[in-house]
């Protein structure tokens, strides 16, 4: 369980992000995938990440320090809201520069709405990360919106589709910001990853 989550900074340049020696986990997804709600659920802070009824609220790289032991990073979405072409281009540059050049990045988690079938924009982004050797995990959101049978069917369909491109699936998590489904499993994964990192440096 997370005890402390503190906002550190926002900026649009990965080179100006905090300089530290802690693990850094970044969250990204299409507009309206429920990223801010998930972050607030994981940290048990209702207003840590700003939620909005207007998709595309996150336009900067946002760093949060968790329990003085790791960083959670809230990235702009790659689906983009209805914004000007020049701003879309700028956001694309911000995202790709951080993901491909940020040496502090431990793992990138791509959020996917479990209610929908695999979308080209998601698959293309996931495959781009794979081609660029980005450590990757997938978080399915809004699980409370489906019946258990529908959820399982959608999850299996996505796995099957992704295996057309991947020899081995990334880490997968099924979550709901409404009922905290998946929080314990995800935080246990982060805790274990952090422990593995520490042991490797001994």
Protein backbone atom coordinates (compact mmCIF):
# COMPACT_ATOMS: atom_id res chain seq x y z
CA UNK A 1 0.00 0.00 0.00
CA UNK A 2 1.28 3.45 -0.91
CA UNK A 3 1.62 5.70 2.13
CA UNK A 4 2.91 8.88 0.56
CA UNK A 5 2.55 10.32 -2.95
CA UNK A 6 3.88 13.79 -3.68
CA UNK A 7 3.77 15.88 -6.84
CA UNK A 8 7.30 16.94 -7.80
CA UNK A 9 7.19 18.76 -11.14
CA UNK A 10 5.68 19.14 -14.60
CA UNK A 11 7.57 19.97 -17.75
CA UNK A 12 7.72 19.19 -21.45
CA UNK A 13 11.44 18.33 -21.75
CA UNK A 14 12.74 14.96 -20.58
CA UNK A 15 16.14 16.58 -19.93
CA UNK A 16 14.55 18.77 -17.25
CA UNK A 17 12.93 15.88 -15.41
CA UNK A 18 14.16 15.09 -11.88
CA UNK A 19 17.69 13.72 -11.65
CA UNK A 20 17.62 10.80 -9.22
CA UNK A 21 18.68 7.20 -8.70
CA UNK A 22 15.24 5.72 -8.04
CA UNK A 23 13.12 3.46 -10.27
CA UNK A 24 10.80 5.41 -12.56
CA UNK A 25 7.53 3.98 -13.92
CA UNK A 26 5.59 5.89 -16.58
CA UNK A 27 1.89 5.65 -17.49
CA UNK A 28 0.50 6.43 -20.92
CA UNK A 29 -2.65 5.69 -22.92
CA UNK A 30 -5.14 7.02 -25.40
CA UNK A 31 -7.29 9.98 -24.43
CA UNK A 32 -10.09 9.06 -22.01
CA UNK A 33 -8.62 5.67 -21.10
CA UNK A 34 -8.90 6.51 -17.40
CA UNK A 35 -5.23 7.21 -16.67
CA UNK A 36 -5.72 9.92 -14.04
CA UNK A 37 -8.41 7.90 -12.26
CA UNK A 38 -6.11 4.85 -12.20
CA UNK A 39 -3.21 6.85 -10.78
CA UNK A 40 -5.46 8.27 -8.06
CA UNK A 41 -6.73 4.77 -7.26
CA UNK A 42 -3.25 3.25 -7.04
CA UNK A 43 -1.98 6.01 -4.78
CA UNK A 44 -5.23 6.27 -2.80
CA UNK A 45 -5.20 10.03 -3.45
CA UNK A 46 -8.42 11.29 -4.99
CA UNK A 47 -6.93 14.43 -6.53
CA UNK A 48 -3.26 13.56 -7.11
CA UNK A 49 -3.69 13.38 -10.88
CA UNK A 50 -6.20 15.80 -12.36
CA UNK A 51 -9.20 14.10 -13.97
CA UNK A 52 -11.38 15.79 -16.55
CA UNK A 53 -14.44 15.10 -18.67
CA UNK A 54 -12.44 16.57 -21.55
CA UNK A 55 -9.97 14.00 -22.95
CA UNK A 56 -6.36 15.05 -23.34
CA UNK A 57 -6.02 16.89 -20.02
CA UNK A 58 -2.41 15.79 -19.51
CA UNK A 59 -0.17 17.87 -21.77
CA UNK A 60 3.07 17.67 -19.77
CA UNK A 61 5.37 15.09 -18.18
CA UNK A 62 4.23 14.90 -14.54
CA UNK A 63 6.46 13.37 -11.87
CA UNK A 64 5.18 12.05 -8.52
CA UNK A 65 7.46 10.70 -5.79
CA UNK A 66 6.04 7.58 -4.15
CA UNK A 67 7.04 6.67 -0.59
CA UNK A 68 10.44 8.26 -1.18
CA UNK A 69 11.39 5.08 -3.07
CA UNK A 70 10.17 5.37 -6.69
CA UNK A 71 8.68 7.78 -9.20
CA UNK A 72 5.35 7.54 -10.96
CA UNK A 73 5.25 9.51 -14.21
CA UNK A 74 2.03 10.64 -15.86
CA UNK A 75 2.61 11.16 -19.60
CA UNK A 76 0.43 12.88 -22.22
CA UNK A 77 -1.81 10.53 -24.19
CA UNK A 78 -0.91 9.30 -27.65
CA UNK A 79 -4.48 9.28 -28.97
CA UNK A 80 -4.75 13.04 -28.56
CA UNK A 81 -7.86 15.05 -27.94
CA UNK A 82 -9.25 17.40 -30.57
CA UNK A 83 -6.34 19.80 -30.64
CA UNK A 84 -4.44 21.71 -33.29
CA UNK A 85 -2.09 19.78 -35.57
CA UNK A 86 0.92 21.78 -34.32
CA UNK A 87 0.15 20.80 -30.71
CA UNK A 88 -0.32 17.14 -31.68
CA UNK A 89 3.12 17.21 -33.28
CA UNK A 90 4.62 18.78 -30.17
CA UNK A 91 3.00 16.20 -27.89
CA UNK A 92 4.29 13.38 -30.09
CA UNK A 93 7.81 14.79 -29.75
CA UNK A 94 7.48 15.14 -25.95
CA UNK A 95 6.26 11.55 -25.60
CA UNK A 96 8.74 9.88 -27.93
CA UNK A 97 11.71 11.84 -26.57
CA UNK A 98 10.89 10.86 -22.99
CA UNK A 99 10.25 7.20 -23.78
CA UNK A 100 13.28 6.67 -26.01
CA UNK A 101 15.84 8.91 -24.27
CA UNK A 102 14.93 8.99 -20.57
CA UNK A 103 17.61 6.76 -19.02
CA UNK A 104 15.82 6.80 -15.65
CA UNK A 105 12.78 4.98 -17.10
CA UNK A 106 12.41 1.55 -15.50
CA UNK A 107 9.19 0.50 -17.23
CA UNK A 108 6.45 2.02 -19.36
CA UNK A 109 2.85 0.97 -18.71
CA UNK A 110 0.40 1.40 -21.57
CA UNK A 111 -3.23 1.72 -20.49
CA UNK A 112 -5.97 0.08 -22.55
CA UNK A 113 -9.75 0.25 -22.14
CA UNK A 114 -10.82 -3.39 -21.62
CA UNK A 115 -14.24 -2.64 -23.12
CA UNK A 116 -12.85 -2.20 -26.61
CA UNK A 117 -11.34 -4.61 -29.11
CA UNK A 118 -7.69 -4.06 -30.11
CA UNK A 119 -7.37 -0.74 -31.91
CA UNK A 120 -4.75 0.00 -34.56
CA UNK A 121 -3.46 3.04 -32.70
CA UNK A 122 -2.81 0.94 -29.57
CA UNK A 123 -1.15 -1.91 -31.45
CA UNK A 124 1.01 0.49 -33.43
CA UNK A 125 2.19 2.23 -30.27
CA UNK A 126 2.84 -1.04 -28.43
CA UNK A 127 4.81 -2.36 -31.40
CA UNK A 128 6.77 0.90 -31.67
CA UNK A 129 7.80 0.49 -28.03
CA UNK A 130 8.82 -3.10 -28.70
CA UNK A 131 10.88 -2.13 -31.73
CA UNK A 132 12.66 0.47 -29.61
CA UNK A 133 13.34 -2.01 -26.78
CA UNK A 134 11.26 -0.11 -24.23
CA UNK A 135 10.54 -2.19 -21.07
CA UNK A 136 6.79 -2.57 -21.31
CA UNK A 137 3.68 -3.52 -19.34
CA UNK A 138 -0.02 -3.33 -20.21
CA UNK A 139 -2.75 -2.16 -17.84
CA UNK A 140 -6.37 -2.79 -18.80
CA UNK A 141 -8.75 -0.24 -17.27
CA UNK A 142 -12.50 0.03 -16.57
CA UNK A 143 -12.95 -3.69 -15.80
CA UNK A 144 -16.00 -2.86 -13.69
CA UNK A 145 -17.87 -1.89 -16.87
CA UNK A 146 -18.00 -5.49 -18.12
CA UNK A 147 -19.45 -8.78 -16.96
CA UNK A 148 -16.73 -11.31 -15.96
CA UNK A 149 -17.35 -13.39 -19.08
CA UNK A 150 -17.09 -10.32 -21.35
CA UNK A 151 -13.95 -9.18 -19.59
CA UNK A 152 -12.27 -12.55 -20.04
CA UNK A 153 -13.29 -12.76 -23.69
CA UNK A 154 -11.92 -9.27 -24.46
CA UNK A 155 -8.68 -9.97 -22.61
CA UNK A 156 -8.10 -13.22 -24.47
CA UNK A 157 -8.91 -11.56 -27.79
CA UNK A 158 -6.32 -8.88 -27.12
CA UNK A 159 -3.68 -11.43 -26.12
CA UNK A 160 -4.36 -13.45 -29.25
CA UNK A 161 -4.14 -10.37 -31.44
CA UNK A 162 -0.92 -9.17 -29.83
CA UNK A 163 0.74 -12.55 -30.23
CA UNK A 164 0.59 -12.00 -33.98
CA UNK A 165 3.41 -9.51 -33.43
CA UNK A 166 5.06 -10.59 -30.17
CA UNK A 167 6.78 -13.87 -29.28
CA UNK A 168 6.05 -13.24 -25.61
CA UNK A 169 3.42 -11.01 -24.03
CA UNK A 170 4.39 -8.09 -21.75
CA UNK A 171 3.22 -8.05 -18.13
CA UNK A 172 -0.58 -7.69 -18.00
CA UNK A 173 -2.80 -6.17 -15.32
CA UNK A 174 -6.59 -5.83 -15.19
CA UNK A 175 -7.83 -2.89 -13.12
CA UNK A 176 -10.80 -0.78 -12.13
CA UNK A 177 -10.49 2.66 -10.58
CA UNK A 178 -14.05 2.29 -9.28
CA UNK A 179 -13.54 -0.77 -7.07
CA UNK A 180 -9.71 -0.86 -6.75
CA UNK A 181 -9.48 -4.12 -8.70
CA UNK A 182 -5.87 -4.90 -9.55
CA UNK A 183 -4.29 -2.40 -7.16
CA UNK A 184 -2.70 -4.97 -4.85
CA UNK A 185 -1.35 -7.06 -7.73
CA UNK A 186 0.13 -4.07 -9.50
CA UNK A 187 1.75 -2.57 -6.40
CA UNK A 188 3.14 -5.99 -5.47
CA UNK A 189 4.70 -6.15 -8.94
CA UNK A 190 6.29 -2.70 -8.47
CA UNK A 191 7.57 -3.68 -5.02
CA UNK A 192 9.13 -6.87 -6.38
CA UNK A 193 10.68 -5.04 -9.33
CA UNK A 194 12.17 -2.44 -7.00
CA UNK A 195 13.56 -5.20 -4.78
CA UNK A 196 15.11 -6.93 -7.79
CA UNK A 197 16.74 -3.68 -8.87
CA UNK A 198 18.25 -3.18 -5.41
CA UNK A 199 19.58 -6.73 -5.25
CA UNK A 200 21.22 -6.33 -8.68
CA UNK A 201 23.18 -3.34 -7.44
CA UNK A 202 24.52 -5.08 -4.33
